[in-house]
Protein backbone atom coordinates (compact mmCIF):
# COMPACT_ATOMS: atom_id res chain seq x y z
CA MET A 1 33.29 -47.97 -2.84
CA VAL A 2 31.86 -46.57 -5.93
CA TYR A 3 29.06 -43.93 -5.47
CA GLU A 4 25.94 -43.96 -7.45
CA LEU A 5 26.00 -40.37 -7.80
CA LEU A 6 28.19 -37.27 -7.16
CA VAL A 7 27.30 -33.79 -7.18
CA CYS A 8 30.65 -32.26 -7.90
CA GLY A 9 32.10 -28.66 -7.15
CA GLY A 10 28.92 -26.78 -5.93
CA THR A 11 28.43 -24.20 -3.29
CA VAL A 12 26.61 -26.26 -0.52
CA HIS A 13 23.87 -24.97 1.71
CA ASP A 14 22.87 -27.45 4.08
CA GLY A 15 19.24 -26.15 4.76
CA SER A 16 19.77 -24.95 8.43
CA GLY A 17 20.54 -21.43 7.40
CA ALA A 18 24.28 -21.81 8.16
CA PRO A 19 26.85 -20.22 5.64
CA PRO A 20 27.48 -22.39 2.71
CA VAL A 21 30.49 -24.55 1.95
CA GLN A 22 32.27 -25.54 -1.14
CA ALA A 23 31.77 -29.45 -1.36
CA ASP A 24 30.83 -32.42 -3.28
CA VAL A 25 27.81 -34.44 -2.32
CA ALA A 26 28.04 -38.16 -2.67
CA ILE A 27 24.90 -40.48 -2.76
CA VAL A 28 24.13 -44.13 -2.53
CA GLY A 29 20.79 -45.91 -2.28
CA GLY A 30 18.88 -42.72 -2.38
CA ARG A 31 20.62 -41.13 0.55
CA ILE A 32 23.54 -38.69 1.00
CA VAL A 33 26.58 -40.71 2.32
CA GLU A 34 29.41 -38.09 2.26
CA VAL A 35 29.66 -34.19 2.09
CA GLY A 36 32.99 -32.91 1.43
CA ARG A 37 35.74 -34.11 -1.01
CA PRO A 38 35.01 -37.84 -1.70
CA SER A 39 37.97 -39.63 -3.21
CA ALA A 40 35.87 -42.70 -4.66
CA GLN A 41 34.61 -42.91 -8.12
CA ALA A 42 30.93 -42.48 -9.17
CA GLU A 43 28.77 -43.94 -11.58
CA LEU A 44 27.20 -40.61 -12.50
CA VAL A 45 28.80 -37.16 -12.01
CA LEU A 46 26.71 -34.14 -12.16
CA GLU A 47 28.99 -30.85 -12.46
CA ALA A 48 27.75 -28.06 -10.11
CA GLU A 49 30.84 -25.75 -10.36
CA GLY A 50 29.60 -22.09 -9.98
CA LEU A 51 26.06 -23.41 -8.92
CA THR A 52 24.20 -23.56 -5.66
CA VAL A 53 23.53 -26.94 -4.21
CA ALA A 54 20.42 -27.00 -2.01
CA PRO A 55 17.91 -29.45 -0.30
CA GLY A 56 14.95 -29.97 -2.67
CA PHE A 57 12.35 -27.43 -1.97
CA ILE A 58 9.37 -28.43 0.07
CA ASP A 59 5.93 -26.90 -0.87
CA ILE A 60 3.93 -27.10 2.34
CA HIS A 61 0.79 -25.83 0.83
CA SER A 62 -0.31 -27.52 -2.49
CA HIS A 63 -3.40 -28.75 -4.12
CA SER A 64 -2.04 -31.06 -6.34
CA ASP A 65 -4.05 -34.11 -5.12
CA TYR A 66 -5.74 -34.82 -8.43
CA THR A 67 -3.28 -33.31 -11.06
CA LEU A 68 -0.45 -35.74 -9.91
CA LEU A 69 -2.69 -38.59 -11.09
CA VAL A 70 -3.42 -36.95 -14.32
CA ASP A 71 0.26 -36.27 -15.05
CA PRO A 72 2.69 -37.56 -12.49
CA ARG A 73 5.71 -35.62 -14.02
CA ALA A 74 5.05 -32.49 -11.66
CA VAL A 75 6.86 -30.67 -14.39
CA SER A 76 5.89 -27.18 -12.87
CA ALA A 77 7.15 -28.24 -9.64
CA VAL A 78 10.53 -29.84 -10.44
CA SER A 79 11.52 -27.15 -12.84
CA GLN A 80 11.66 -24.92 -9.79
CA GLY A 81 13.63 -27.52 -7.60
CA VAL A 82 10.55 -28.61 -5.67
CA THR A 83 11.05 -32.46 -4.38
CA LEU A 84 8.17 -32.59 -1.89
CA GLU A 85 4.57 -31.34 -1.73
CA VAL A 86 2.05 -31.34 1.09
CA ILE A 87 -1.47 -31.93 -0.64
CA GLY A 88 -4.91 -31.94 1.06
CA ASN A 89 -4.87 -28.34 2.03
CA CYS A 90 -7.81 -25.98 2.58
CA GLY A 91 -10.17 -28.93 3.17
CA PHE A 92 -9.89 -29.88 -0.32
CA GLY A 93 -8.57 -33.34 -1.32
CA CYS A 94 -9.20 -36.79 -2.77
CA GLY A 95 -10.36 -38.83 0.19
CA PRO A 96 -12.39 -40.04 1.68
CA ILE A 97 -14.72 -40.34 -1.28
CA ALA A 98 -18.35 -41.33 -0.28
CA ASP A 99 -20.33 -39.76 -3.24
CA PRO A 100 -17.85 -39.08 -6.17
CA ARG A 101 -20.52 -36.57 -7.74
CA LEU A 102 -20.26 -34.34 -4.51
CA SER A 103 -16.67 -35.10 -3.86
CA ALA A 104 -15.53 -33.72 -7.26
CA GLY A 105 -16.31 -30.16 -6.18
CA SER A 106 -14.01 -30.20 -3.43
CA ILE A 107 -10.89 -31.39 -5.43
CA TYR A 108 -8.90 -28.85 -7.47
CA GLY A 109 -8.47 -29.74 -10.98
CA CYS A 110 -10.96 -32.62 -11.06
CA ASP A 111 -12.07 -33.23 -14.50
CA GLY A 112 -13.26 -36.78 -14.61
CA SER A 113 -10.14 -37.99 -16.68
CA VAL A 114 -9.14 -40.07 -13.63
CA PRO A 115 -12.30 -41.60 -12.14
CA LEU A 116 -12.82 -41.35 -8.38
CA THR A 117 -12.99 -44.99 -7.73
CA TRP A 118 -11.36 -45.35 -4.25
CA SER A 119 -13.29 -44.67 -1.11
CA SER A 120 -10.66 -44.15 1.70
CA MET A 121 -7.69 -42.12 2.00
CA GLY A 122 -5.69 -45.23 1.95
CA GLY A 123 -7.12 -46.19 -1.64
CA TYR A 124 -6.18 -42.79 -2.90
CA LEU A 125 -2.66 -43.06 -1.56
CA GLU A 126 -2.07 -46.49 -3.20
CA LYS A 127 -3.43 -44.90 -6.57
CA LEU A 128 -1.07 -42.11 -6.17
CA ARG A 129 1.81 -44.54 -5.44
CA GLN A 130 0.74 -46.59 -8.61
CA ALA A 131 1.04 -43.42 -10.69
CA ARG A 132 4.79 -42.85 -9.57
CA PRO A 133 4.96 -39.09 -9.08
CA ALA A 134 8.18 -37.61 -9.90
CA ILE A 135 8.14 -35.56 -6.46
CA ASN A 136 7.52 -37.09 -2.96
CA VAL A 137 3.95 -36.41 -1.50
CA MET A 138 2.52 -36.04 2.02
CA THR A 139 -1.21 -35.35 2.49
CA LEU A 140 -3.55 -33.95 5.05
CA MET A 141 -6.96 -35.32 5.82
CA PRO A 142 -9.54 -32.67 4.21
CA ASN A 143 -12.49 -31.54 6.14
CA ALA A 144 -14.72 -31.01 3.07
CA GLN A 145 -14.49 -34.68 2.28
CA LEU A 146 -15.35 -35.68 5.87
CA ARG A 147 -18.30 -33.36 6.01
CA LEU A 148 -19.54 -34.60 2.57
CA ALA A 149 -19.29 -38.04 3.69
CA ALA A 150 -21.13 -37.46 6.98
CA LEU A 151 -23.53 -34.68 6.21
CA GLY A 152 -23.74 -34.34 2.27
CA LEU A 153 -24.24 -30.73 1.43
CA ALA A 154 -26.18 -29.76 4.48
CA ASP A 155 -25.05 -26.11 5.42
CA ARG A 156 -25.20 -26.55 9.46
CA ALA A 157 -23.14 -27.71 12.42
CA ALA A 158 -22.73 -31.26 12.71
CA THR A 159 -24.72 -33.43 15.12
CA ALA A 160 -22.94 -35.85 17.79
CA SER A 161 -23.35 -38.85 15.56
CA GLU A 162 -22.10 -36.95 12.46
CA ILE A 163 -19.01 -35.87 14.33
CA ALA A 164 -18.40 -39.24 15.33
CA THR A 165 -18.62 -40.43 11.89
CA MET A 166 -16.10 -37.79 10.82
CA ARG A 167 -13.95 -38.65 13.70
CA ASP A 168 -13.83 -42.35 12.65
CA LEU A 169 -13.01 -41.38 9.00
CA LEU A 170 -10.19 -39.02 10.08
CA ARG A 171 -8.94 -41.76 12.42
CA GLU A 172 -8.77 -44.13 9.72
CA GLY A 173 -7.16 -41.75 7.26
CA LEU A 174 -4.56 -40.90 9.86
CA SER A 175 -3.78 -44.51 10.37
CA GLU A 176 -3.44 -45.08 6.71
CA GLY A 177 -0.65 -42.15 6.31
CA ALA A 178 -2.20 -38.78 6.41
CA ILE A 179 -0.05 -36.19 8.49
CA GLY A 180 -2.77 -34.36 9.93
CA TYR A 181 -6.13 -32.59 9.32
CA SER A 182 -7.09 -29.40 7.14
CA VAL A 183 -9.95 -27.22 6.96
CA GLY A 184 -11.31 -24.66 4.57
CA LEU A 185 -13.88 -22.75 6.33
CA GLU A 186 -14.82 -20.03 3.79
CA TYR A 187 -15.96 -22.88 1.28
CA PRO A 188 -19.54 -23.97 0.81
CA ALA A 189 -19.03 -27.48 2.04
CA GLU A 190 -17.52 -26.37 5.32
CA LYS A 191 -18.98 -23.05 6.23
CA GLY A 192 -21.47 -24.64 8.62
CA ALA A 193 -18.86 -26.37 10.74
CA SER A 194 -18.91 -25.21 14.30
CA GLU A 195 -16.05 -24.55 16.52
CA GLU A 196 -17.03 -27.53 18.66
CA GLU A 197 -16.92 -30.11 16.00
CA LEU A 198 -13.56 -28.62 14.74
CA ILE A 199 -12.07 -29.11 18.02
CA GLU A 200 -13.12 -32.67 18.18
CA LEU A 201 -11.60 -33.49 14.77
CA ALA A 202 -8.51 -31.53 15.39
CA ARG A 203 -8.05 -33.35 18.64
CA GLU A 204 -7.89 -36.54 16.90
CA ALA A 205 -5.09 -35.10 14.75
CA GLY A 206 -3.30 -33.92 17.80
CA ARG A 207 -3.48 -37.47 19.43
CA SER A 208 -1.61 -38.86 16.57
CA GLY A 209 0.95 -36.16 16.65
CA GLY A 210 -0.47 -34.73 13.45
CA LEU A 211 -0.72 -31.26 12.03
CA PHE A 212 -3.89 -29.12 12.00
CA ALA A 213 -3.72 -26.70 8.93
CA THR A 214 -6.53 -24.17 8.68
CA HIS A 215 -7.87 -22.04 5.98
CA THR A 216 -9.63 -19.53 8.38
CA ARG A 217 -13.47 -18.98 8.41
CA ASP A 218 -13.16 -15.36 7.07
CA ARG A 219 -10.23 -13.92 5.35
CA ALA A 220 -11.76 -10.54 4.52
CA LYS A 221 -13.45 -8.15 7.18
CA GLY A 222 -13.48 -10.94 9.96
CA ALA A 223 -9.95 -11.95 9.40
CA VAL A 224 -8.57 -11.29 12.75
CA ALA A 225 -11.38 -12.94 14.65
CA ALA A 226 -11.11 -15.92 12.30
CA VAL A 227 -7.35 -16.39 13.12
CA GLU A 228 -8.13 -16.18 16.79
CA GLU A 229 -10.78 -18.82 16.34
CA ALA A 230 -8.24 -21.05 14.48
CA ILE A 231 -5.68 -20.43 17.49
CA ARG A 232 -8.55 -21.37 20.22
CA ILE A 233 -9.38 -24.50 18.37
CA ALA A 234 -5.66 -25.65 18.19
CA ARG A 235 -5.07 -24.75 21.71
CA ALA A 236 -8.12 -26.69 23.06
CA ALA A 237 -7.40 -29.53 20.75
CA GLU A 238 -3.73 -29.57 21.89
CA VAL A 239 -2.50 -29.75 18.11
CA LYS A 240 0.22 -28.20 16.16
CA LEU A 241 -1.22 -25.27 14.07
CA GLN A 242 -0.42 -24.20 10.66
CA VAL A 243 -2.38 -21.34 9.50
CA SER A 244 -2.66 -21.38 5.75
CA HIS A 245 -1.92 -18.18 3.48
CA LEU A 246 -2.33 -15.92 6.73
CA ILE A 247 -2.30 -12.54 5.05
CA PRO A 248 -6.10 -11.80 4.54
CA ARG A 249 -7.92 -9.79 1.78
CA ALA A 250 -8.71 -6.94 4.30
CA GLY A 251 -5.80 -4.49 3.87
CA GLU A 252 -2.47 -3.94 5.53
CA ALA A 253 -3.81 -3.05 8.94
CA ALA A 254 -5.50 -6.37 9.33
CA SER A 255 -2.62 -8.19 7.82
CA PHE A 256 -0.24 -6.75 10.52
CA ARG A 257 -2.70 -7.72 13.14
CA CYS A 258 -3.03 -11.26 11.91
CA VAL A 259 0.70 -11.41 12.25
CA GLU A 260 0.58 -10.18 15.77
CA VAL A 261 -2.00 -12.57 16.72
CA VAL A 262 0.17 -15.46 15.59
CA GLU A 263 3.23 -13.98 17.50
CA GLU A 264 1.17 -13.68 20.64
CA ALA A 265 0.09 -17.37 20.45
CA CYS A 266 3.62 -18.43 19.84
CA ALA A 267 4.88 -16.22 22.86
CA SER A 268 2.38 -18.15 24.97
CA GLY A 269 3.81 -21.39 24.11
CA GLN A 270 1.59 -22.50 21.43
CA ASP A 271 3.16 -24.52 18.55
CA ILE A 272 2.41 -22.45 15.52
CA ALA A 273 3.49 -21.52 12.05
CA PHE A 274 2.10 -20.11 9.01
CA ASP A 275 2.30 -20.07 5.24
CA MET A 276 1.81 -17.64 2.34
CA HIS A 277 1.47 -17.91 -1.35
CA THR A 278 3.80 -15.70 -3.60
CA ARG A 279 0.90 -14.04 -5.71
CA LEU A 280 -0.44 -10.38 -5.36
CA TYR A 281 -3.65 -11.80 -5.63
CA GLY A 282 -5.87 -14.81 -4.34
CA THR A 283 -7.05 -17.37 -6.88
CA THR A 284 -10.21 -19.63 -6.52
CA MET A 285 -12.80 -21.30 -8.44
CA LEU A 286 -15.70 -19.09 -9.73
CA SER A 287 -18.02 -21.81 -8.35
CA THR A 288 -17.20 -20.72 -4.78
CA LEU A 289 -20.10 -18.17 -5.53
CA LEU A 290 -22.54 -20.98 -5.26
CA PRO A 291 -23.96 -22.13 -1.72
CA SER A 292 -23.99 -25.92 -1.04
CA TRP A 293 -27.75 -26.25 -1.62
CA ALA A 294 -27.60 -24.99 -5.14
CA LEU A 295 -25.39 -28.03 -5.95
CA SER A 296 -27.50 -30.62 -4.35
CA ASP A 297 -29.59 -31.62 -7.42
CA GLY A 298 -26.87 -32.03 -9.88
CA VAL A 299 -26.20 -30.21 -13.20
CA GLU A 300 -29.70 -29.74 -14.23
CA GLY A 301 -30.80 -28.77 -10.74
CA LEU A 302 -28.03 -26.07 -10.77
CA ARG A 303 -29.49 -24.78 -14.06
CA ARG A 304 -32.82 -24.63 -12.52
CA HIS A 305 -31.69 -22.62 -9.44
CA LEU A 306 -29.80 -20.31 -11.60
CA ALA A 307 -32.76 -19.58 -13.77
CA ASP A 308 -35.09 -19.00 -10.84
CA PRO A 309 -35.20 -15.37 -9.73
CA GLY A 310 -35.75 -16.28 -6.07
CA SER A 311 -32.99 -18.96 -5.90
CA ARG A 312 -30.71 -16.43 -7.73
CA ALA A 313 -31.41 -13.73 -5.28
CA ALA A 314 -30.78 -16.06 -2.46
CA MET A 315 -27.33 -16.93 -4.00
CA LYS A 316 -26.52 -13.22 -4.44
CA SER A 317 -27.04 -12.61 -0.74
CA ALA A 318 -24.68 -15.20 0.37
CA ARG A 319 -21.33 -14.19 1.58
CA THR A 320 -18.46 -15.91 -0.01
CA ILE A 321 -14.87 -15.62 -0.68
CA ILE A 322 -15.47 -13.72 -3.83
CA SER A 323 -18.30 -11.48 -2.88
CA SER A 324 -16.53 -10.60 0.23
CA VAL A 325 -13.87 -8.78 -1.70
CA GLY A 326 -16.57 -6.09 -2.10
CA ASP A 327 -15.32 -4.70 -5.58
CA TRP A 328 -16.00 -6.51 -8.67
CA ASP A 329 -13.53 -4.59 -10.41
CA LYS A 330 -10.94 -6.66 -8.33
CA VAL A 331 -12.43 -9.99 -9.32
CA VAL A 332 -10.90 -11.07 -12.81
CA LEU A 333 -11.98 -14.00 -14.94
CA LEU A 334 -9.07 -16.07 -16.13
CA ASP A 335 -8.97 -17.63 -19.69
CA LEU A 336 -12.16 -19.36 -20.39
CA PRO A 337 -12.00 -21.33 -23.62
CA ARG A 338 -15.74 -20.84 -24.58
CA ARG A 339 -15.78 -17.25 -23.78
CA PRO A 340 -12.78 -15.56 -24.95
CA GLU A 341 -14.43 -12.38 -25.37
CA ILE A 342 -14.65 -11.92 -21.57
CA SER A 343 -11.56 -13.86 -20.50
CA ARG A 344 -8.93 -11.61 -18.54
CA LEU A 345 -11.44 -9.09 -17.83
CA SER A 346 -12.78 -8.00 -14.38
CA LEU A 347 -16.22 -8.93 -13.58
CA GLY A 348 -16.99 -5.22 -13.11
CA GLU A 349 -15.80 -4.64 -16.73
CA ILE A 350 -17.79 -7.46 -17.84
CA GLY A 351 -21.00 -6.07 -16.35
CA ARG A 352 -20.29 -2.73 -17.87
CA ARG A 353 -19.72 -4.16 -21.32
CA LEU A 354 -22.94 -6.44 -20.96
CA MET A 355 -24.86 -3.65 -19.19
CA ARG A 356 -25.67 -6.14 -16.37
CA ASP A 357 -25.05 -6.70 -12.75
CA PRO A 358 -21.54 -8.14 -12.29
CA HIS A 359 -22.75 -10.76 -9.78
CA ASP A 360 -25.45 -11.85 -12.44
CA CYS A 361 -22.66 -12.04 -15.21
CA ALA A 362 -20.75 -14.37 -12.71
CA LEU A 363 -23.72 -16.52 -12.18
CA ASP A 364 -24.43 -16.52 -16.05
CA ILE A 365 -21.00 -17.96 -16.55
CA LEU A 366 -21.63 -20.76 -13.95
CA ALA A 367 -24.67 -21.66 -15.68
CA ASP A 368 -22.91 -21.96 -19.01
CA GLU A 369 -20.26 -24.03 -17.34
CA ALA A 370 -22.46 -26.11 -15.01
CA GLU A 371 -20.94 -29.40 -16.44
CA THR A 372 -17.37 -28.16 -15.90
CA LEU A 373 -17.73 -25.88 -12.64
CA ASN A 374 -14.07 -26.37 -11.79
CA ARG A 375 -13.04 -24.91 -14.94
CA PRO A 376 -13.70 -21.13 -14.51
CA MET A 377 -11.10 -19.55 -12.33
CA VAL A 378 -10.88 -15.98 -11.04
CA ILE A 379 -8.17 -14.00 -9.31
CA LEU A 380 -8.82 -11.58 -6.45
CA LEU A 381 -6.53 -8.49 -6.61
CA VAL A 382 -6.22 -7.97 -2.86
CA HIS A 383 -2.45 -8.04 -1.61
CA THR A 384 0.39 -5.42 -1.71
CA GLU A 385 4.08 -6.08 -1.80
CA ARG A 386 4.44 -4.63 1.64
CA GLU A 387 2.17 -7.62 2.89
CA GLN A 388 4.35 -10.01 1.11
CA GLN A 389 7.53 -8.64 2.66
CA LEU A 390 5.84 -8.61 6.08
CA ALA A 391 4.98 -12.32 5.74
CA PHE A 392 8.15 -13.89 4.10
CA THR A 393 10.67 -12.07 6.37
CA HIS A 394 8.62 -13.24 9.43
CA PRO A 395 10.52 -16.31 11.12
CA LEU A 396 7.22 -18.39 11.51
CA CYS A 397 6.61 -17.96 7.79
CA VAL A 398 7.24 -20.47 5.04
CA PRO A 399 6.10 -19.85 1.27
CA GLY A 400 3.97 -22.27 -0.57
CA SER A 401 2.54 -22.47 -3.98
CA ASP A 402 -1.12 -22.61 -3.10
CA ALA A 403 -1.49 -24.38 -6.66
CA THR A 404 -1.48 -27.69 -8.36
CA THR A 405 1.19 -29.12 -10.33
CA LEU A 406 1.01 -28.75 -14.11
CA ALA A 407 2.86 -29.37 -17.51
CA PRO A 408 3.14 -27.29 -20.61
CA ASP A 409 2.56 -30.55 -22.63
CA GLY A 410 0.66 -33.69 -22.12
CA ALA A 411 -2.57 -34.46 -20.31
CA LEU A 412 -2.47 -31.05 -18.45
CA GLU A 413 -1.45 -28.67 -21.40
CA GLY A 414 -3.34 -25.53 -21.33
CA ARG A 415 -4.47 -25.82 -17.82
CA THR A 416 -3.72 -22.94 -15.50
CA PHE A 417 -3.23 -22.53 -11.87
CA HIS A 418 -1.20 -19.33 -10.78
CA GLY A 419 1.71 -19.97 -8.70
CA ALA A 420 2.23 -23.46 -10.20
CA TYR A 421 5.22 -22.41 -12.37
CA THR A 422 6.58 -19.51 -10.51
CA TRP A 423 6.18 -19.65 -6.64
CA ALA A 424 9.71 -20.95 -5.41
CA ALA A 425 11.38 -19.18 -8.17
CA TRP A 426 9.56 -15.88 -7.54
CA PHE A 427 10.57 -16.10 -3.87
CA TRP A 428 14.21 -16.51 -4.79
CA ARG A 429 14.20 -13.77 -7.24
CA ALA A 430 12.18 -11.19 -5.13
CA MET A 431 13.58 -11.95 -1.61
CA VAL A 432 17.27 -12.46 -2.58
CA ARG A 433 18.05 -10.85 -5.76
CA ASP A 434 15.62 -8.01 -6.26
CA TRP A 435 14.50 -6.86 -2.69
CA LYS A 436 17.61 -8.23 -1.04
CA LEU A 437 15.45 -8.91 2.29
CA MET A 438 17.26 -12.44 2.67
CA THR A 439 20.47 -13.96 2.32
CA PRO A 440 20.81 -17.05 0.07
CA GLU A 441 21.21 -19.37 3.07
CA ALA A 442 18.17 -17.76 4.93
CA ALA A 443 16.05 -18.20 1.75
CA ILE A 444 17.12 -21.66 1.18
CA HIS A 445 16.24 -22.42 4.96
CA LYS A 446 12.60 -20.97 4.21
CA LEU A 447 12.26 -23.49 1.43
CA THR A 448 13.73 -26.51 2.97
CA GLY A 449 14.92 -26.93 6.63
CA LEU A 450 11.97 -24.85 8.09
CA PRO A 451 9.12 -26.49 6.45
CA ALA A 452 10.73 -29.94 7.15
CA SER A 453 10.84 -29.07 10.86
CA ILE A 454 7.21 -27.95 10.72
CA LEU A 455 6.34 -31.31 9.13
CA GLY A 456 8.23 -33.26 11.58
CA LEU A 457 10.64 -34.66 8.72
CA SER A 458 14.00 -35.59 10.26
CA ASP A 459 15.83 -36.88 6.90
CA ARG A 460 14.60 -34.39 4.42
CA GLY A 461 15.17 -30.73 3.94
CA ALA A 462 18.85 -30.99 4.79
CA ILE A 463 22.15 -31.91 3.17
CA ARG A 464 23.89 -34.08 5.53
CA VAL A 465 25.15 -37.62 5.79
CA GLY A 466 22.14 -40.14 6.16
CA ALA A 467 19.58 -37.46 4.79
CA ARG A 468 17.38 -38.28 2.02
CA ALA A 469 19.03 -37.27 -1.43
CA ASP A 470 16.62 -34.74 -2.52
CA LEU A 471 18.61 -31.77 -4.02
CA ALA A 472 18.26 -28.80 -6.22
CA VAL A 473 21.09 -27.40 -8.12
CA PHE A 474 20.71 -24.04 -9.55
CA ASP A 475 22.17 -20.61 -10.94
CA GLU A 476 21.57 -17.95 -8.12
CA ALA A 477 22.09 -15.22 -10.73
CA SER A 478 19.39 -16.42 -13.14
CA PHE A 479 17.05 -18.58 -10.93
CA GLY A 480 13.59 -16.96 -11.19
CA GLU A 481 10.14 -17.05 -12.58
CA ARG A 482 9.02 -16.59 -16.28
CA GLY A 483 5.44 -16.86 -15.77
CA THR A 484 3.36 -13.72 -15.67
CA THR A 485 -0.37 -13.18 -14.68
CA PHE A 486 -1.87 -13.78 -18.02
CA GLU A 487 0.79 -16.08 -19.33
CA PRO A 488 1.42 -17.94 -16.20
CA ASN A 489 2.50 -21.46 -17.91
CA GLN A 490 6.22 -20.72 -18.33
CA LEU A 491 8.95 -22.96 -16.82
CA ALA A 492 11.24 -21.18 -14.35
CA ALA A 493 14.69 -20.23 -15.30
CA GLY A 494 18.08 -21.24 -13.65
CA MET A 495 17.53 -24.69 -12.44
CA ARG A 496 20.11 -27.03 -13.56
CA HIS A 497 19.78 -30.39 -11.75
CA VAL A 498 17.16 -31.85 -9.50
CA ILE A 499 17.56 -35.00 -7.63
CA VAL A 500 14.65 -36.88 -5.91
CA ASN A 501 15.58 -39.80 -3.73
CA GLY A 502 18.87 -39.99 -5.52
CA VAL A 503 17.59 -40.07 -8.93
CA PRO A 504 18.12 -37.09 -11.37
CA THR A 505 14.63 -35.86 -12.45
CA VAL A 506 16.19 -32.87 -13.99
CA ARG A 507 19.58 -32.82 -15.61
CA ASN A 508 21.44 -30.03 -17.12
CA GLY A 509 18.15 -28.11 -17.30
CA ALA A 510 16.08 -31.06 -18.98
CA LEU A 511 13.56 -33.58 -17.80
CA THR A 512 15.33 -37.16 -17.70
CA GLY A 513 11.86 -38.90 -17.70
CA GLN A 514 12.79 -40.59 -14.52
CA ARG A 515 10.05 -40.57 -11.58
CA ALA A 516 11.53 -41.44 -8.28
CA GLY A 517 9.02 -39.74 -5.83
CA GLU A 518 7.58 -41.51 -2.82
CA VAL A 519 4.21 -41.07 -1.14
CA LEU A 520 5.40 -40.42 2.37
CA ARG A 521 3.03 -42.03 4.92
CA ARG A 522 2.93 -41.12 8.62
CA ARG A 523 3.70 -44.06 10.89
CA GLY A 524 3.12 -43.89 14.60
CA ARG A 525 3.61 -41.12 17.03
CA PRO A 526 6.07 -39.47 16.87
CA MET A 527 5.71 -39.13 13.27
CA THR A 528 8.10 -41.22 11.17
CA PHE A 529 7.77 -42.05 7.52
């Protein structure tokens, strides 16, 4: 027998958290066929002596739905050893599309370069398959698009007939391959959703064996009650719950209590886990300041609302993700090409320089960017290292990017989404090397076997005979992030080889140009792919 690929001489972590072994990994037909000391020859040998060989990393919380269509190379991800991403999180995503004009506002990175020509989740997944992404992709059904299809921009609870419409769309998307249902209840398109309608929809996901992922209703002062609501919904719907980026913007006491609430639910027998991004700040679009009614009449209508004192006062009275921070000095505007003089400044500082209310400054920026509302981004300085350590050392937590895939060149050159280039590399550097809070095998389990288990993947996130050949080969001593807060678009260091479905995507630290990712569609219950 001649192997197609042999990863030779590395320290192999199988993804389970067990101690590593010195072994070669042989691959044929996109699967691992031997782990040990194979005697057969191989068409291609990748040297791994002195390096760690792990299953490919799994990003359970990604927003790459659109950027993978724009540039399917997923450079920011594969440069960190990421071989699978779960998209459709926080109620944001690319299907179903009823009105492209409305839907674009609930898709991260949507800039019109790839027109929204499909209508169903199945149509989107086929479009993604045709793009040939470099990484494997799974999607959740995003609640914002369900509500936009059934209610438009109405900021209220759904009626019985509207719930039925959303349930039909959700059922269709699940049958077309989505792995569950996600919500983002802090965002304008979903704020009006009632607990009752969410139970009905989450129950549909539960019937199919899917996952319910929730960006909770309030991640500020009401964070604990919002996590409790998510747990009630999942319990009533009899569905597995993934609490997205659990640690809130409400301080350490609330963070510790949110973790306790999850622990209590788990102890009672509920199937629950949570994830957390790796930044000391949250990040979102500045446009989340806008209530849904302000967007109902398009660009010119938005500008009219922003110019009208009464409409502007109503906008300023609304509680949003950004305004809930409560301190404009903790809201920092990222690079904005047309406004370099205020880029990288807090809204508080911008207000002081312009001698204007910071909230009005933010709305002025949105008026200037009314045709490109997805472009102005802000970071919210709300987390501490103690909160990070609390989350990532917890047995129910997995890390995630909470970002979009990007590339330093090509169609996405110059685009920024914090975490895209850094999340997995930061996790390794901080948790294993700097803080020494995890052993290498424990950290690799958090990046591989644990998220695979949450997702119901039986043949990924592991190095064993029969598993899919998704591998990350790296130098433990140098693997880490290079990106910083204001220079985030820097490729991670220390990743030597990355293999996706048996195909080298990164070889000797350089992209090969090969893209072998698959769009993984759920098929039946229990979930198979």
